[in-house]
Amino acid sequence: MHHIVSIEAGALQAELRRPRFDHYWTEHQATPQQQVAERLADATIAIVNKRRLSAEIVAGLPRLQMVAIAATGYNNVDLDACRARGIVVSNVRGYARETVPEHVFALLLALARQIGPYHRSVAAGRWQKSAQFCYFDYPIRDLAGQTLGILGNGTLGQGVARIAAAFGMRVVFGEHKGAATCRDGYLPFERLIREADAISLHCPLNDATRHLIGAAELAAMKPDALLINTARGGLVDEAALADALRARRIGGAGFDVLTEEPPVANPLLAADILDAGNFILTPHVAWSSREAMQTLADQLIDNIEAFVRGEPVNRVA
């Protein structure tokens, strides 16, 4: 009989039905990284989200047959180690097709229309003391007519493109960084960085994309360009971005992710960055609408049931 162990149940607020086959179910709301191996010791099916399953951990789990990732990203799981053992790894796909693009535009609109600075100025009494019915302390920009560069042409990138078109934006997709040729319908990476009024990242994090946006790219961007990252923190050199924001070398940035989560020490958490008005940070919640979380929960159990039937789906290993 399968023993299913969920080690990060608290990271999902949805109704998680139990699989329709005989099994034991063990659930932990949260698991420190140092306890992952211990808690999965007897598991045949492991449900994980962000905790690392290194090659060393996988080697110490002799009963493990499947890793069900309660997310789309899988860079926290050593896929080679799982393949070597014949362990099936499945992820969840498409559940955030609406919620993440909407969050991208929440960040874009807040930055372009200076929502945060104006709200804080009203709270501080600026409007109440104004000589006329309004004031123009923070320049506002329309999204219509602006060029949105998207790096990553999957479900989420396409979702962002659809909303952008409705706002009247010109949408361009970027080619891979360093690519020798450029595919039809794409813009060379370096040209996109130079020409886009806003850039939204929707790439996986791997060796090829780590620090995709660094000091050189930030320096090449338009001085009023906006950078949005709802994908993975490691896609951007965060120290370089903090420097660019302080120097006002770009117009602003809206992030939902950081390299380390929850963050302990990060240059983007500096008080002067968070208070400057040109940076918005949300705590990795772009994916987490009620509707999206329920879709994720349903697909997660579907993946497990398909594996037990001998018909695994959404495999990444």
C-alpha atoms as a PDB file:
ATOM      1  CA  MET A   1       0.000   0.000   0.000  1.00  0.00           C
ATOM      2  CA  HIS A   2       1.258   3.460  -0.903  1.00  0.00           C
ATOM      3  CA  HIS A   3       2.325   5.847   1.824  1.00  0.00           C
ATOM      4  CA  ILE A   4       1.801   9.440   0.676  1.00  0.00           C
ATOM      5  CA  VAL A   5       3.706  12.071   2.647  1.00  0.00           C
ATOM      6  CA  SER A   6       3.018  15.780   2.145  1.00  0.00           C
ATOM      7  CA  ILE A   7       5.747  17.899   3.727  1.00  0.00           C
ATOM      8  CA  GLU A   8       4.541  21.453   2.909  1.00  0.00           C
ATOM      9  CA  ALA A   9       0.756  21.264   3.197  1.00  0.00           C
ATOM     10  CA  GLY A  10       0.556  24.751   4.664  1.00  0.00           C
ATOM     11  CA  ALA A  11       1.771  26.226   1.364  1.00  0.00           C
ATOM     12  CA  LEU A  12      -1.568  25.392  -0.263  1.00  0.00           C
ATOM     13  CA  GLN A  13      -4.941  26.695   0.928  1.00  0.00           C
ATOM     14  CA  ALA A  14      -7.413  24.542  -0.969  1.00  0.00           C
ATOM     15  CA  GLU A  15      -9.571  21.462  -0.545  1.00  0.00           C
ATOM     16  CA  LEU A  16      -7.195  18.578  -1.176  1.00  0.00           C
ATOM     17  CA  ARG A  17      -9.225  15.441  -1.796  1.00  0.00           C
ATOM     18  CA  ARG A  18      -7.689  12.095  -0.937  1.00  0.00           C
ATOM     19  CA  PRO A  19      -6.697   9.798  -3.823  1.00  0.00           C
ATOM     20  CA  ARG A  20      -9.172   7.124  -4.851  1.00  0.00           C
ATOM     21  CA  PHE A  21      -7.000   4.121  -3.983  1.00  0.00           C
ATOM     22  CA  ASP A  22      -5.945   2.486  -0.739  1.00  0.00           C
ATOM     23  CA  HIS A  23      -3.156   4.438   0.908  1.00  0.00           C
ATOM     24  CA  TYR A  24      -1.726   5.896   4.086  1.00  0.00           C
ATOM     25  CA  TRP A  25      -1.607   9.694   4.263  1.00  0.00           C
ATOM     26  CA  THR A  26       0.835  11.709   6.385  1.00  0.00           C
ATOM     27  CA  GLU A  27       0.721  15.484   6.321  1.00  0.00           C
ATOM     28  CA  HIS A  28       3.087  18.142   7.692  1.00  0.00           C
ATOM     29  CA  GLN A  29       2.098  21.813   7.465  1.00  0.00           C
ATOM     30  CA  ALA A  30       5.758  22.847   7.114  1.00  0.00           C
ATOM     31  CA  THR A  31       9.078  21.031   7.119  1.00  0.00           C
ATOM     32  CA  PRO A  32      12.528  22.483   7.795  1.00  0.00           C
ATOM     33  CA  GLN A  33      15.001  21.470   5.104  1.00  0.00           C
ATOM     34  CA  GLN A  34      17.033  19.456   7.613  1.00  0.00           C
ATOM     35  CA  GLN A  35      13.991  17.273   8.370  1.00  0.00           C
ATOM     36  CA  VAL A  36      13.022  16.459   4.776  1.00  0.00           C
ATOM     37  CA  ALA A  37      14.857  13.123   4.633  1.00  0.00           C
ATOM     38  CA  GLU A  38      13.519  12.025   8.005  1.00  0.00           C
ATOM     39  CA  ARG A  39       9.895  12.796   7.184  1.00  0.00           C
ATOM     40  CA  LEU A  40      10.058  11.118   3.770  1.00  0.00           C
ATOM     41  CA  ALA A  41      11.894   8.021   5.029  1.00  0.00           C
ATOM     42  CA  ASP A  42       8.860   5.736   4.640  1.00  0.00           C
ATOM     43  CA  ALA A  43       7.182   7.502   1.718  1.00  0.00           C
ATOM     44  CA  THR A  44       6.400   5.824  -1.585  1.00  0.00           C
ATOM     45  CA  ILE A  45       4.901   9.086  -2.894  1.00  0.00           C
ATOM     46  CA  ALA A  46       6.253  12.442  -1.752  1.00  0.00           C
ATOM     47  CA  ILE A  47       4.335  15.688  -2.175  1.00  0.00           C
ATOM     48  CA  VAL A  48       6.754  18.619  -2.161  1.00  0.00           C
ATOM     49  CA  ASN A  49       6.630  22.254  -3.139  1.00  0.00           C
ATOM     50  CA  LYS A  50       9.849  24.199  -2.561  1.00  0.00           C
ATOM     51  CA  ARG A  51      11.894  21.938  -0.272  1.00  0.00           C
ATOM     52  CA  ARG A  52      14.991  20.498  -1.927  1.00  0.00           C
ATOM     53  CA  LEU A  53      15.239  16.840  -2.838  1.00  0.00           C
ATOM     54  CA  SER A  54      18.957  16.563  -3.481  1.00  0.00           C
ATOM     55  CA  ALA A  55      20.706  13.487  -4.864  1.00  0.00           C
ATOM     56  CA  GLU A  56      21.826  12.678  -1.329  1.00  0.00           C
ATOM     57  CA  ILE A  57      18.273  12.839   0.010  1.00  0.00           C
ATOM     58  CA  VAL A  58      16.894  10.774  -2.874  1.00  0.00           C
ATOM     59  CA  ALA A  59      19.569   8.121  -2.300  1.00  0.00           C
ATOM     60  CA  GLY A  60      18.386   7.769   1.293  1.00  0.00           C
ATOM     61  CA  LEU A  61      14.724   7.128   0.377  1.00  0.00           C
ATOM     62  CA  PRO A  62      14.652   3.488  -0.778  1.00  0.00           C
ATOM     63  CA  ARG A  63      10.843   3.225  -0.903  1.00  0.00           C
ATOM     64  CA  LEU A  64      10.269   6.392  -2.937  1.00  0.00           C
ATOM     65  CA  GLN A  65       8.531   5.797  -6.275  1.00  0.00           C
ATOM     66  CA  MET A  66       7.045   9.185  -7.139  1.00  0.00           C
ATOM     67  CA  VAL A  67       7.613  12.860  -6.403  1.00  0.00           C
ATOM     68  CA  ALA A  68       4.451  14.922  -6.888  1.00  0.00           C
ATOM     69  CA  ILE A  69       5.455  18.582  -7.075  1.00  0.00           C
ATOM     70  CA  ALA A  70       2.711  20.954  -5.932  1.00  0.00           C
ATOM     71  CA  ALA A  71       3.975  23.640  -8.311  1.00  0.00           C
ATOM     72  CA  THR A  72       5.210  24.098 -11.866  1.00  0.00           C
ATOM     73  CA  GLY A  73       8.878  24.763 -11.054  1.00  0.00           C
ATOM     74  CA  TYR A  74      11.031  21.714 -10.356  1.00  0.00           C
ATOM     75  CA  ASN A  75      14.550  23.088  -9.942  1.00  0.00           C
ATOM     76  CA  ASN A  76      14.429  22.004  -6.280  1.00  0.00           C
ATOM     77  CA  VAL A  77      14.390  18.312  -7.260  1.00  0.00           C
ATOM     78  CA  ASP A  78      17.477  16.464  -8.529  1.00  0.00           C
ATOM     79  CA  LEU A  79      15.931  14.974 -11.663  1.00  0.00           C
ATOM     80  CA  ASP A  80      19.027  12.995 -12.627  1.00  0.00           C
ATOM     81  CA  ALA A  81      19.006  11.209  -9.276  1.00  0.00           C
ATOM     82  CA  CYS A  82      15.313  10.414  -9.709  1.00  0.00           C
ATOM     83  CA  ARG A  83      15.802   9.140 -13.262  1.00  0.00           C
ATOM     84  CA  ALA A  84      18.619   6.875 -12.137  1.00  0.00           C
ATOM     85  CA  ARG A  85      16.262   5.293  -9.620  1.00  0.00           C
ATOM     86  CA  GLY A  86      13.245   5.191 -11.944  1.00  0.00           C
ATOM     87  CA  ILE A  87      11.370   7.625  -9.707  1.00  0.00           C
ATOM     88  CA  VAL A  88       8.587   9.438 -11.553  1.00  0.00           C
ATOM     89  CA  VAL A  89       8.514  13.208 -11.031  1.00  0.00           C
ATOM     90  CA  SER A  90       5.376  15.114 -12.063  1.00  0.00           C
ATOM     91  CA  ASN A  91       4.583  18.805 -11.759  1.00  0.00           C
ATOM     92  CA  VAL A  92       1.389  20.849 -11.993  1.00  0.00           C
ATOM     93  CA  ARG A  93       0.792  22.926 -15.096  1.00  0.00           C
ATOM     94  CA  GLY A  94      -1.500  25.634 -16.345  1.00  0.00           C
ATOM     95  CA  TYR A  95      -3.180  26.351 -13.001  1.00  0.00           C
ATOM     96  CA  ALA A  96      -1.836  29.926 -12.884  1.00  0.00           C
ATOM     97  CA  ARG A  97      -2.743  30.892 -16.448  1.00  0.00           C
ATOM     98  CA  GLU A  98      -5.067  33.651 -15.181  1.00  0.00           C
ATOM     99  CA  THR A  99      -3.753  34.627 -11.761  1.00  0.00           C
ATOM    100  CA  VAL A 100      -0.081  35.269 -12.606  1.00  0.00           C
ATOM    101  CA  PRO A 101      -0.772  37.453 -15.683  1.00  0.00           C
ATOM    102  CA  GLU A 102      -3.269  39.452 -13.626  1.00  0.00           C
ATOM    103  CA  HIS A 103      -0.624  39.969 -10.932  1.00  0.00           C
ATOM    104  CA  VAL A 104       1.854  41.113 -13.585  1.00  0.00           C
ATOM    105  CA  PHE A 105      -0.556  43.826 -14.622  1.00  0.00           C
ATOM    106  CA  ALA A 106      -1.345  44.761 -11.042  1.00  0.00           C
ATOM    107  CA  LEU A 107       2.371  45.473 -10.613  1.00  0.00           C
ATOM    108  CA  LEU A 108       2.679  47.228 -13.980  1.00  0.00           C
ATOM    109  CA  LEU A 109      -0.307  49.458 -13.336  1.00  0.00           C
ATOM    110  CA  ALA A 110       0.765  50.286  -9.787  1.00  0.00           C
ATOM    111  CA  LEU A 111       4.196  51.360 -11.032  1.00  0.00           C
ATOM    112  CA  ALA A 112       3.090  53.177 -14.188  1.00  0.00           C
ATOM    113  CA  ARG A 113       0.336  55.057 -12.377  1.00  0.00           C
ATOM    114  CA  GLN A 114       2.341  55.679  -9.184  1.00  0.00           C
ATOM    115  CA  ILE A 115      -0.349  54.144  -6.974  1.00  0.00           C
ATOM    116  CA  GLY A 116       1.942  53.582  -3.979  1.00  0.00           C
ATOM    117  CA  PRO A 117       3.568  57.027  -3.875  1.00  0.00           C
ATOM    118  CA  TYR A 118       0.243  58.829  -4.314  1.00  0.00           C
ATOM    119  CA  HIS A 119      -1.446  56.730  -1.634  1.00  0.00           C
ATOM    120  CA  ARG A 120       1.380  57.362   0.825  1.00  0.00           C
ATOM    121  CA  SER A 121       1.348  61.096   0.071  1.00  0.00           C
ATOM    122  CA  VAL A 122      -2.403  61.291   0.788  1.00  0.00           C
ATOM    123  CA  ALA A 123      -1.878  59.373   4.039  1.00  0.00           C
ATOM    124  CA  ALA A 124       0.807  61.912   4.949  1.00  0.00           C
ATOM    125  CA  GLY A 125      -1.596  64.841   4.408  1.00  0.00           C
ATOM    126  CA  ARG A 126      -0.311  66.150   1.073  1.00  0.00           C
ATOM    127  CA  TRP A 127      -3.717  66.273  -0.660  1.00  0.00           C
ATOM    128  CA  GLN A 128      -5.413  67.890   2.273  1.00  0.00           C
ATOM    129  CA  LYS A 129      -2.967  70.799   2.026  1.00  0.00           C
ATOM    130  CA  SER A 130      -3.048  71.120  -1.771  1.00  0.00           C
ATOM    131  CA  ALA A 131      -3.844  74.523  -3.267  1.00  0.00           C
ATOM    132  CA  GLN A 132      -6.017  72.892  -5.955  1.00  0.00           C
ATOM    133  CA  PHE A 133      -8.114  69.756  -6.470  1.00  0.00           C
ATOM    134  CA  CYS A 134      -5.113  67.590  -7.429  1.00  0.00           C
ATOM    135  CA  TYR A 135      -1.323  67.632  -7.594  1.00  0.00           C
ATOM    136  CA  PHE A 136       1.307  66.111  -9.886  1.00  0.00           C
ATOM    137  CA  ASP A 137       4.176  65.061  -7.657  1.00  0.00           C
ATOM    138  CA  TYR A 138       4.621  61.702  -9.401  1.00  0.00           C
ATOM    139  CA  PRO A 139       4.444  61.476 -13.212  1.00  0.00           C
ATOM    140  CA  ILE A 140       1.873  58.968 -14.492  1.00  0.00           C
ATOM    141  CA  ARG A 141       2.289  56.910 -17.669  1.00  0.00           C
ATOM    142  CA  ASP A 142      -0.292  55.082 -19.773  1.00  0.00           C
ATOM    143  CA  LEU A 143       0.400  51.484 -20.786  1.00  0.00           C
ATOM    144  CA  ALA A 144      -1.342  51.973 -24.127  1.00  0.00           C
ATOM    145  CA  GLY A 145       1.188  52.421 -26.901  1.00  0.00           C
ATOM    146  CA  GLN A 146       4.078  51.116 -24.791  1.00  0.00           C
ATOM    147  CA  THR A 147       6.230  48.138 -25.831  1.00  0.00           C
ATOM    148  CA  LEU A 148       6.084  45.132 -23.502  1.00  0.00           C
ATOM    149  CA  GLY A 149       8.963  42.692 -23.868  1.00  0.00           C
ATOM    150  CA  ILE A 150       8.227  39.171 -22.629  1.00  0.00           C
ATOM    151  CA  LEU A 151      10.968  36.656 -21.898  1.00  0.00           C
ATOM    152  CA  GLY A 152       9.341  33.220 -21.871  1.00  0.00           C
ATOM    153  CA  ASN A 153       6.678  32.198 -24.380  1.00  0.00           C
ATOM    154  CA  GLY A 154       4.806  29.548 -22.388  1.00  0.00           C
ATOM    155  CA  THR A 155       1.335  29.596 -20.890  1.00  0.00           C
ATOM    156  CA  LEU A 156       2.070  32.523 -18.576  1.00  0.00           C
ATOM    157  CA  GLY A 157       3.934  34.583 -21.146  1.00  0.00           C
ATOM    158  CA  GLN A 158       1.057  34.124 -23.567  1.00  0.00           C
ATOM    159  CA  GLY A 159      -1.417  35.069 -20.851  1.00  0.00           C
ATOM    160  CA  VAL A 160       0.462  38.304 -20.209  1.00  0.00           C
ATOM    161  CA  ALA A 161       0.533  38.999 -23.949  1.00  0.00           C
ATOM    162  CA  ARG A 162      -3.266  38.685 -24.200  1.00  0.00           C
ATOM    163  CA  ILE A 163      -3.836  41.202 -21.416  1.00  0.00           C
ATOM    164  CA  ALA A 164      -1.214  43.535 -22.872  1.00  0.00           C
ATOM    165  CA  ALA A 165      -2.987  43.516 -26.227  1.00  0.00           C
ATOM    166  CA  ALA A 166      -6.228  44.495 -24.489  1.00  0.00           C
ATOM    167  CA  PHE A 167      -4.398  47.478 -22.970  1.00  0.00           C
ATOM    168  CA  GLY A 168      -3.177  48.538 -26.414  1.00  0.00           C
ATOM    169  CA  MET A 169       0.452  47.613 -25.800  1.00  0.00           C
ATOM    170  CA  ARG A 170       2.855  46.392 -28.453  1.00  0.00           C
ATOM    171  CA  VAL A 171       4.020  42.914 -27.433  1.00  0.00           C
ATOM    172  CA  VAL A 172       7.380  41.404 -28.399  1.00  0.00           C
ATOM    173  CA  PHE A 173       8.848  38.082 -27.279  1.00  0.00           C
ATOM    174  CA  GLY A 174      12.576  37.822 -26.680  1.00  0.00           C
ATOM    175  CA  GLU A 175      14.926  35.210 -28.107  1.00  0.00           C
ATOM    176  CA  HIS A 176      17.196  33.253 -25.763  1.00  0.00           C
ATOM    177  CA  LYS A 177      20.123  35.257 -24.433  1.00  0.00           C
ATOM    178  CA  GLY A 178      23.233  34.622 -26.506  1.00  0.00           C
ATOM    179  CA  ALA A 179      21.356  32.767 -29.276  1.00  0.00           C
ATOM    180  CA  ALA A 180      23.232  32.703 -32.600  1.00  0.00           C
ATOM    181  CA  THR A 181      20.012  33.084 -34.601  1.00  0.00           C
ATOM    182  CA  CYS A 182      16.612  34.585 -33.897  1.00  0.00           C
ATOM    183  CA  ARG A 183      13.390  32.682 -34.488  1.00  0.00           C
ATOM    184  CA  ASP A 184      10.576  34.183 -36.537  1.00  0.00           C
ATOM    185  CA  GLY A 185       8.301  36.271 -34.371  1.00  0.00           C
ATOM    186  CA  TYR A 186      10.986  36.905 -31.758  1.00  0.00           C
ATOM    187  CA  LEU A 187      13.243  39.863 -31.077  1.00  0.00           C
ATOM    188  CA  PRO A 188      16.948  39.368 -30.302  1.00  0.00           C
ATOM    189  CA  PHE A 189      17.475  39.431 -26.542  1.00  0.00           C
ATOM    190  CA  GLU A 190      19.805  42.435 -26.559  1.00  0.00           C
ATOM    191  CA  ARG A 191      17.449  44.446 -28.768  1.00  0.00           C
ATOM    192  CA  LEU A 192      14.457  43.679 -26.563  1.00  0.00           C
ATOM    193  CA  ILE A 193      16.371  44.865 -23.506  1.00  0.00           C
ATOM    194  CA  ARG A 194      17.121  48.169 -25.252  1.00  0.00           C
ATOM    195  CA  GLU A 195      13.720  48.830 -26.810  1.00  0.00           C
ATOM    196  CA  ALA A 196      11.105  47.605 -24.313  1.00  0.00           C
ATOM    197  CA  ASP A 197       9.261  50.070 -22.103  1.00  0.00           C
ATOM    198  CA  ALA A 198       8.488  47.189 -19.750  1.00  0.00           C
ATOM    199  CA  ILE A 199       9.915  43.663 -19.459  1.00  0.00           C
ATOM    200  CA  SER A 200       8.130  40.705 -17.864  1.00  0.00           C
ATOM    201  CA  LEU A 201      10.001  37.513 -16.993  1.00  0.00           C
ATOM    202  CA  HIS A 202       8.392  34.067 -17.405  1.00  0.00           C
ATOM    203  CA  CYS A 203      11.406  31.751 -17.670  1.00  0.00           C
ATOM    204  CA  PRO A 204      12.401  28.677 -15.688  1.00  0.00           C
ATOM    205  CA  LEU A 205      15.455  29.054 -13.476  1.00  0.00           C
ATOM    206  CA  ASN A 206      18.422  26.987 -14.661  1.00  0.00           C
ATOM    207  CA  ASP A 207      22.098  27.441 -15.411  1.00  0.00           C
ATOM    208  CA  ALA A 208      21.303  29.222 -18.680  1.00  0.00           C
ATOM    209  CA  THR A 209      18.864  31.718 -17.155  1.00  0.00           C
ATOM    210  CA  ARG A 210      20.460  32.473 -13.791  1.00  0.00           C
ATOM    211  CA  HIS A 211      21.110  36.235 -13.651  1.00  0.00           C
ATOM    212  CA  LEU A 212      19.503  36.598 -17.069  1.00  0.00           C
ATOM    213  CA  ILE A 213      19.133  40.254 -16.137  1.00  0.00           C
ATOM    214  CA  GLY A 214      22.325  41.625 -14.636  1.00  0.00           C
ATOM    215  CA  ALA A 215      24.137  44.935 -14.405  1.00  0.00           C
ATOM    216  CA  ALA A 216      24.811  45.099 -18.156  1.00  0.00           C
ATOM    217  CA  GLU A 217      21.174  44.496 -19.059  1.00  0.00           C
ATOM    218  CA  LEU A 218      19.921  47.012 -16.506  1.00  0.00           C
ATOM    219  CA  ALA A 219      22.325  49.603 -17.881  1.00  0.00           C
ATOM    220  CA  ALA A 220      21.052  48.938 -21.420  1.00  0.00           C
ATOM    221  CA  MET A 221      17.370  49.365 -20.512  1.00  0.00           C
ATOM    222  CA  LYS A 222      15.501  52.594 -21.109  1.00  0.00           C
ATOM    223  CA  PRO A 223      15.873  54.967 -18.145  1.00  0.00           C
ATOM    224  CA  ASP A 224      12.106  54.822 -17.516  1.00  0.00           C
ATOM    225  CA  ALA A 225      11.662  51.098 -18.241  1.00  0.00           C
ATOM    226  CA  LEU A 226       9.857  48.801 -15.803  1.00  0.00           C
ATOM    227  CA  LEU A 227      11.022  45.288 -14.889  1.00  0.00           C
ATOM    228  CA  ILE A 228       8.486  42.710 -13.669  1.00  0.00           C
ATOM    229  CA  ASN A 229       9.493  39.346 -12.221  1.00  0.00           C
ATOM    230  CA  THR A 230       6.834  36.849 -11.155  1.00  0.00           C
ATOM    231  CA  ALA A 231       8.911  33.816 -12.194  1.00  0.00           C
ATOM    232  CA  ARG A 232      12.030  33.068 -10.113  1.00  0.00           C
ATOM    233  CA  GLY A 233      14.222  35.386  -8.056  1.00  0.00           C
ATOM    234  CA  GLY A 234      17.485  34.037  -9.444  1.00  0.00           C
ATOM    235  CA  LEU A 235      16.661  35.314 -12.925  1.00  0.00           C
ATOM    236  CA  VAL A 236      17.799  38.767 -11.824  1.00  0.00           C
ATOM    237  CA  ASP A 237      21.019  39.876 -10.154  1.00  0.00           C
ATOM    238  CA  GLU A 238      19.316  41.425  -7.144  1.00  0.00           C
ATOM    239  CA  ALA A 239      22.333  43.432  -5.986  1.00  0.00           C
ATOM    240  CA  ALA A 240      22.643  44.968  -9.443  1.00  0.00           C
ATOM    241  CA  LEU A 241      18.926  45.774  -9.460  1.00  0.00           C
ATOM    242  CA  ALA A 242      19.164  47.437  -6.046  1.00  0.00           C
ATOM    243  CA  ASP A 243      21.978  49.630  -7.391  1.00  0.00           C
ATOM    244  CA  ALA A 244      19.949  50.499 -10.502  1.00  0.00           C
ATOM    245  CA  LEU A 245      16.885  51.410  -8.451  1.00  0.00           C
ATOM    246  CA  ARG A 246      18.917  53.619  -6.097  1.00  0.00           C
ATOM    247  CA  ALA A 247      20.518  55.406  -9.017  1.00  0.00           C
ATOM    248  CA  ARG A 248      17.167  55.668 -10.849  1.00  0.00           C
ATOM    249  CA  ARG A 249      18.757  54.038 -13.895  1.00  0.00           C
ATOM    250  CA  ILE A 250      15.421  52.351 -14.660  1.00  0.00           C
ATOM    251  CA  GLY A 251      11.892  53.517 -13.999  1.00  0.00           C
ATOM    252  CA  GLY A 252      11.027  50.833 -11.489  1.00  0.00           C
ATOM    253  CA  ALA A 253      10.546  47.148 -10.765  1.00  0.00           C
ATOM    254  CA  GLY A 254       7.777  44.917  -9.478  1.00  0.00           C
ATOM    255  CA  PHE A 255       8.802  41.557  -7.994  1.00  0.00           C
ATOM    256  CA  ASP A 256       6.874  38.648  -6.503  1.00  0.00           C
ATOM    257  CA  VAL A 257       9.936  36.418  -6.037  1.00  0.00           C
ATOM    258  CA  LEU A 258      13.400  36.517  -4.485  1.00  0.00           C
ATOM    259  CA  THR A 259      16.386  34.191  -4.719  1.00  0.00           C
ATOM    260  CA  GLU A 260      15.902  32.924  -1.165  1.00  0.00           C
ATOM    261  CA  GLU A 261      12.385  32.471   0.191  1.00  0.00           C
ATOM    262  CA  PRO A 262      11.511  33.336   2.851  1.00  0.00           C
ATOM    263  CA  PRO A 263      14.236  35.962   2.579  1.00  0.00           C
ATOM    264  CA  VAL A 264      16.802  36.492   5.300  1.00  0.00           C
ATOM    265  CA  ALA A 265      19.218  38.993   3.813  1.00  0.00           C
ATOM    266  CA  ASN A 266      18.562  40.463   0.392  1.00  0.00           C
ATOM    267  CA  PRO A 267      19.632  43.791  -1.119  1.00  0.00           C
ATOM    268  CA  LEU A 268      16.077  44.419  -2.282  1.00  0.00           C
ATOM    269  CA  LEU A 269      14.862  44.396   1.324  1.00  0.00           C
ATOM    270  CA  ALA A 270      16.910  47.470   2.235  1.00  0.00           C
ATOM    271  CA  ALA A 271      14.699  50.167   3.738  1.00  0.00           C
ATOM    272  CA  ASP A 272      15.694  52.797   1.184  1.00  0.00           C
ATOM    273  CA  ILE A 273      14.715  50.431  -1.668  1.00  0.00           C
ATOM    274  CA  LEU A 274      11.348  49.489  -0.184  1.00  0.00           C
ATOM    275  CA  ASP A 275      10.532  53.117   0.656  1.00  0.00           C
ATOM    276  CA  ALA A 276      11.738  54.745  -2.566  1.00  0.00           C
ATOM    277  CA  GLY A 277       8.473  54.371  -4.486  1.00  0.00           C
ATOM    278  CA  ASN A 278       9.988  52.759  -7.595  1.00  0.00           C
ATOM    279  CA  PHE A 279       9.953  49.176  -6.299  1.00  0.00           C
ATOM    280  CA  ILE A 280       7.070  46.895  -5.308  1.00  0.00           C
ATOM    281  CA  LEU A 281       7.653  43.530  -3.648  1.00  0.00           C
ATOM    282  CA  THR A 282       4.963  40.937  -2.928  1.00  0.00           C
ATOM    283  CA  PRO A 283       5.675  37.653  -1.068  1.00  0.00           C
ATOM    284  CA  HIS A 284       5.419  35.044  -3.875  1.00  0.00           C
ATOM    285  CA  VAL A 285       1.631  35.234  -4.027  1.00  0.00           C
ATOM    286  CA  ALA A 286       1.032  35.878  -7.752  1.00  0.00           C
ATOM    287  CA  TRP A 287       0.014  32.237  -8.194  1.00  0.00           C
ATOM    288  CA  SER A 288      -2.278  32.029  -5.184  1.00  0.00           C
ATOM    289  CA  SER A 289      -5.778  33.139  -6.105  1.00  0.00           C
ATOM    290  CA  ARG A 290      -8.431  30.886  -4.573  1.00  0.00           C
ATOM    291  CA  GLU A 291      -9.374  29.602  -7.996  1.00  0.00           C
ATOM    292  CA  ALA A 292      -5.787  28.820  -8.988  1.00  0.00           C
ATOM    293  CA  MET A 293      -4.980  27.017  -5.742  1.00  0.00           C
ATOM    294  CA  GLN A 294      -8.001  24.747  -6.095  1.00  0.00           C
ATOM    295  CA  THR A 295      -7.049  23.933  -9.686  1.00  0.00           C
ATOM    296  CA  LEU A 296      -3.532  23.117  -8.493  1.00  0.00           C
ATOM    297  CA  ALA A 297      -4.820  20.873  -5.702  1.00  0.00           C
ATOM    298  CA  ASP A 298      -7.101  18.959  -8.065  1.00  0.00           C
ATOM    299  CA  GLN A 299      -4.363  18.437 -10.647  1.00  0.00           C
ATOM    300  CA  LEU A 300      -1.888  17.352  -7.979  1.00  0.00           C
ATOM    301  CA  ILE A 301      -4.122  14.464  -6.924  1.00  0.00           C
ATOM    302  CA  ASP A 302      -4.920  13.683 -10.575  1.00  0.00           C
ATOM    303  CA  ASN A 303      -1.163  13.279 -11.148  1.00  0.00           C
ATOM    304  CA  ILE A 304      -0.845  10.871  -8.225  1.00  0.00           C
ATOM    305  CA  GLU A 305      -3.830   8.796  -9.339  1.00  0.00           C
ATOM    306  CA  ALA A 306      -2.501   8.609 -12.896  1.00  0.00           C
ATOM    307  CA  PHE A 307       0.853   7.357 -11.598  1.00  0.00           C
ATOM    308  CA  VAL A 308      -0.785   4.629  -9.518  1.00  0.00           C
ATOM    309  CA  ARG A 309      -2.808   3.547 -12.589  1.00  0.00           C
ATOM    310  CA  GLY A 310       0.470   3.140 -14.446  1.00  0.00           C
ATOM    311  CA  GLU A 311      -0.259   6.110 -16.707  1.00  0.00           C
ATOM    312  CA  PRO A 312       1.876   8.957 -15.291  1.00  0.00           C
ATOM    313  CA  VAL A 313       1.187  12.437 -16.649  1.00  0.00           C
ATOM    314  CA  ASN A 314       2.920  15.830 -16.471  1.00  0.00           C
ATOM    315  CA  ARG A 315       6.258  14.065 -16.121  1.00  0.00           C
ATOM    316  CA  VAL A 316       9.471  16.027 -15.846  1.00  0.00           C
ATOM    317  CA  ALA A 317      11.430  12.849 -14.970  1.00  0.00           C
END
